[in-house]
């Protein structure tokens, strides 16, 4: 599992650079995260039915899970800005 910040940029990289296919996307709005399952499968082989697609995606031999949390983490630059903006007397 790899954590990603921007799904559009990450999916573009995994598709265009590494030649992977999005096998399945799962959203969990209550927990504020999404999962993207990538693999080396032909897009034509991906089932159209959602339930069938889920089972199919979880049985592929080489599947990479990308996890995107809705702003539950910060970049190093953002953390530095937060830390530097705090006064020792706050």
C-alpha atoms as a PDB file:
ATOM      1  CA  UNK A   1       0.000   0.000   0.000  1.00  0.00           C
ATOM      2  CA  UNK A   2       1.269   3.421  -0.966  1.00  0.00           C
ATOM      3  CA  UNK A   3      -0.249   6.645   0.320  1.00  0.00           C
ATOM      4  CA  UNK A   4      -0.897   9.264  -2.324  1.00  0.00           C
ATOM      5  CA  UNK A   5      -1.843  12.916  -2.068  1.00  0.00           C
ATOM      6  CA  UNK A   6      -3.249  13.694  -5.525  1.00  0.00           C
ATOM      7  CA  UNK A   7      -5.030  10.769  -7.225  1.00  0.00           C
ATOM      8  CA  UNK A   8      -5.126  12.478 -10.629  1.00  0.00           C
ATOM      9  CA  UNK A   9      -1.359  12.951 -10.740  1.00  0.00           C
ATOM     10  CA  UNK A  10      -0.601   9.567  -9.199  1.00  0.00           C
ATOM     11  CA  UNK A  11      -2.964   7.615 -11.464  1.00  0.00           C
ATOM     12  CA  UNK A  12      -1.549   9.401 -14.517  1.00  0.00           C
ATOM     13  CA  UNK A  13       1.971   8.348 -13.465  1.00  0.00           C
ATOM     14  CA  UNK A  14       1.034   4.708 -12.833  1.00  0.00           C
ATOM     15  CA  UNK A  15      -0.947   4.529 -16.100  1.00  0.00           C
ATOM     16  CA  UNK A  16       1.202   6.547 -18.501  1.00  0.00           C
ATOM     17  CA  UNK A  17       4.701   5.899 -17.143  1.00  0.00           C
ATOM     18  CA  UNK A  18       4.412   2.409 -15.657  1.00  0.00           C
ATOM     19  CA  UNK A  19       1.718   1.104 -18.026  1.00  0.00           C
ATOM     20  CA  UNK A  20      -0.648  -0.042 -15.264  1.00  0.00           C
ATOM     21  CA  UNK A  21      -4.452  -0.170 -15.405  1.00  0.00           C
ATOM     22  CA  UNK A  22      -6.908   0.992 -12.747  1.00  0.00           C
ATOM     23  CA  UNK A  23      -8.533  -2.272 -11.702  1.00  0.00           C
ATOM     24  CA  UNK A  24     -10.866  -0.949  -9.016  1.00  0.00           C
ATOM     25  CA  UNK A  25     -11.591   2.250  -7.090  1.00  0.00           C
ATOM     26  CA  UNK A  26     -13.279   2.120  -3.697  1.00  0.00           C
ATOM     27  CA  UNK A  27     -14.483   5.228  -1.857  1.00  0.00           C
ATOM     28  CA  UNK A  28     -15.091   5.356   1.889  1.00  0.00           C
ATOM     29  CA  UNK A  29     -16.597   8.830   2.451  1.00  0.00           C
ATOM     30  CA  UNK A  30     -17.384   8.238   6.135  1.00  0.00           C
ATOM     31  CA  UNK A  31     -13.747   7.449   6.849  1.00  0.00           C
ATOM     32  CA  UNK A  32     -12.539  10.059   4.322  1.00  0.00           C
ATOM     33  CA  UNK A  33     -10.312   7.871   2.171  1.00  0.00           C
ATOM     34  CA  UNK A  34     -10.256   6.171  -1.220  1.00  0.00           C
ATOM     35  CA  UNK A  35      -8.451   3.076  -2.477  1.00  0.00           C
ATOM     36  CA  UNK A  36      -7.162   2.624  -6.007  1.00  0.00           C
ATOM     37  CA  UNK A  37      -6.070  -0.844  -7.128  1.00  0.00           C
ATOM     38  CA  UNK A  38      -3.627  -0.827 -10.040  1.00  0.00           C
ATOM     39  CA  UNK A  39      -2.263  -3.763 -11.993  1.00  0.00           C
ATOM     40  CA  UNK A  40      -0.825  -4.983 -15.280  1.00  0.00           C
ATOM     41  CA  UNK A  41      -4.075  -6.127 -16.858  1.00  0.00           C
ATOM     42  CA  UNK A  42      -5.637  -5.262 -20.172  1.00  0.00           C
ATOM     43  CA  UNK A  43      -8.393  -2.624 -19.750  1.00  0.00           C
ATOM     44  CA  UNK A  44     -10.626  -4.811 -21.952  1.00  0.00           C
ATOM     45  CA  UNK A  45     -10.420  -7.603 -19.338  1.00  0.00           C
ATOM     46  CA  UNK A  46     -11.762  -5.439 -16.478  1.00  0.00           C
ATOM     47  CA  UNK A  47     -15.345  -6.554 -15.692  1.00  0.00           C
ATOM     48  CA  UNK A  48     -18.092  -3.942 -16.006  1.00  0.00           C
ATOM     49  CA  UNK A  49     -20.205  -5.262 -13.124  1.00  0.00           C
ATOM     50  CA  UNK A  50     -19.074  -3.642  -9.854  1.00  0.00           C
ATOM     51  CA  UNK A  51     -19.328  -6.767  -7.653  1.00  0.00           C
ATOM     52  CA  UNK A  52     -17.616  -8.943 -10.245  1.00  0.00           C
ATOM     53  CA  UNK A  53     -14.938  -6.271 -10.707  1.00  0.00           C
ATOM     54  CA  UNK A  54     -14.206  -6.201  -6.962  1.00  0.00           C
ATOM     55  CA  UNK A  55     -13.689  -9.967  -6.760  1.00  0.00           C
ATOM     56  CA  UNK A  56     -11.701  -9.955 -10.005  1.00  0.00           C
ATOM     57  CA  UNK A  57      -9.408  -7.099  -8.876  1.00  0.00           C
ATOM     58  CA  UNK A  58      -8.631  -8.790  -5.559  1.00  0.00           C
ATOM     59  CA  UNK A  59      -7.543 -12.003  -7.287  1.00  0.00           C
ATOM     60  CA  UNK A  60      -4.954 -10.517  -9.671  1.00  0.00           C
ATOM     61  CA  UNK A  61      -1.370 -11.689  -9.140  1.00  0.00           C
ATOM     62  CA  UNK A  62       0.290  -8.259  -9.122  1.00  0.00           C
ATOM     63  CA  UNK A  63      -1.898  -5.551  -7.622  1.00  0.00           C
ATOM     64  CA  UNK A  64      -0.745  -2.276  -6.142  1.00  0.00           C
ATOM     65  CA  UNK A  65      -2.965  -0.461  -3.640  1.00  0.00           C
ATOM     66  CA  UNK A  66      -2.830   3.342  -3.613  1.00  0.00           C
ATOM     67  CA  UNK A  67      -4.538   5.010  -0.646  1.00  0.00           C
ATOM     68  CA  UNK A  68      -5.618   8.645  -0.653  1.00  0.00           C
ATOM     69  CA  UNK A  69      -6.646  10.184   2.654  1.00  0.00           C
ATOM     70  CA  UNK A  70      -8.641  13.413   2.593  1.00  0.00           C
ATOM     71  CA  UNK A  71      -6.008  15.792   3.993  1.00  0.00           C
ATOM     72  CA  UNK A  72      -5.146  13.659   6.992  1.00  0.00           C
ATOM     73  CA  UNK A  73      -1.462  14.311   6.431  1.00  0.00           C
ATOM     74  CA  UNK A  74       0.741  17.243   5.540  1.00  0.00           C
ATOM     75  CA  UNK A  75       3.779  17.709   3.358  1.00  0.00           C
ATOM     76  CA  UNK A  76       7.054  18.537   5.082  1.00  0.00           C
ATOM     77  CA  UNK A  77       6.763  22.135   3.820  1.00  0.00           C
ATOM     78  CA  UNK A  78       3.272  22.459   5.292  1.00  0.00           C
ATOM     79  CA  UNK A  79       4.419  21.057   8.636  1.00  0.00           C
ATOM     80  CA  UNK A  80       7.341  23.495   8.744  1.00  0.00           C
ATOM     81  CA  UNK A  81       4.990  26.411   8.072  1.00  0.00           C
ATOM     82  CA  UNK A  82       2.681  25.264  10.874  1.00  0.00           C
ATOM     83  CA  UNK A  83       5.559  24.842  13.317  1.00  0.00           C
ATOM     84  CA  UNK A  84       7.213  28.135  12.395  1.00  0.00           C
ATOM     85  CA  UNK A  85       3.955  30.076  12.661  1.00  0.00           C
ATOM     86  CA  UNK A  86       3.430  28.990  16.287  1.00  0.00           C
ATOM     87  CA  UNK A  87       4.682  31.289  18.965  1.00  0.00           C
ATOM     88  CA  UNK A  88       6.345  29.635  21.967  1.00  0.00           C
ATOM     89  CA  UNK A  89       3.775  31.509  24.086  1.00  0.00           C
ATOM     90  CA  UNK A  90       0.687  30.103  22.309  1.00  0.00           C
END
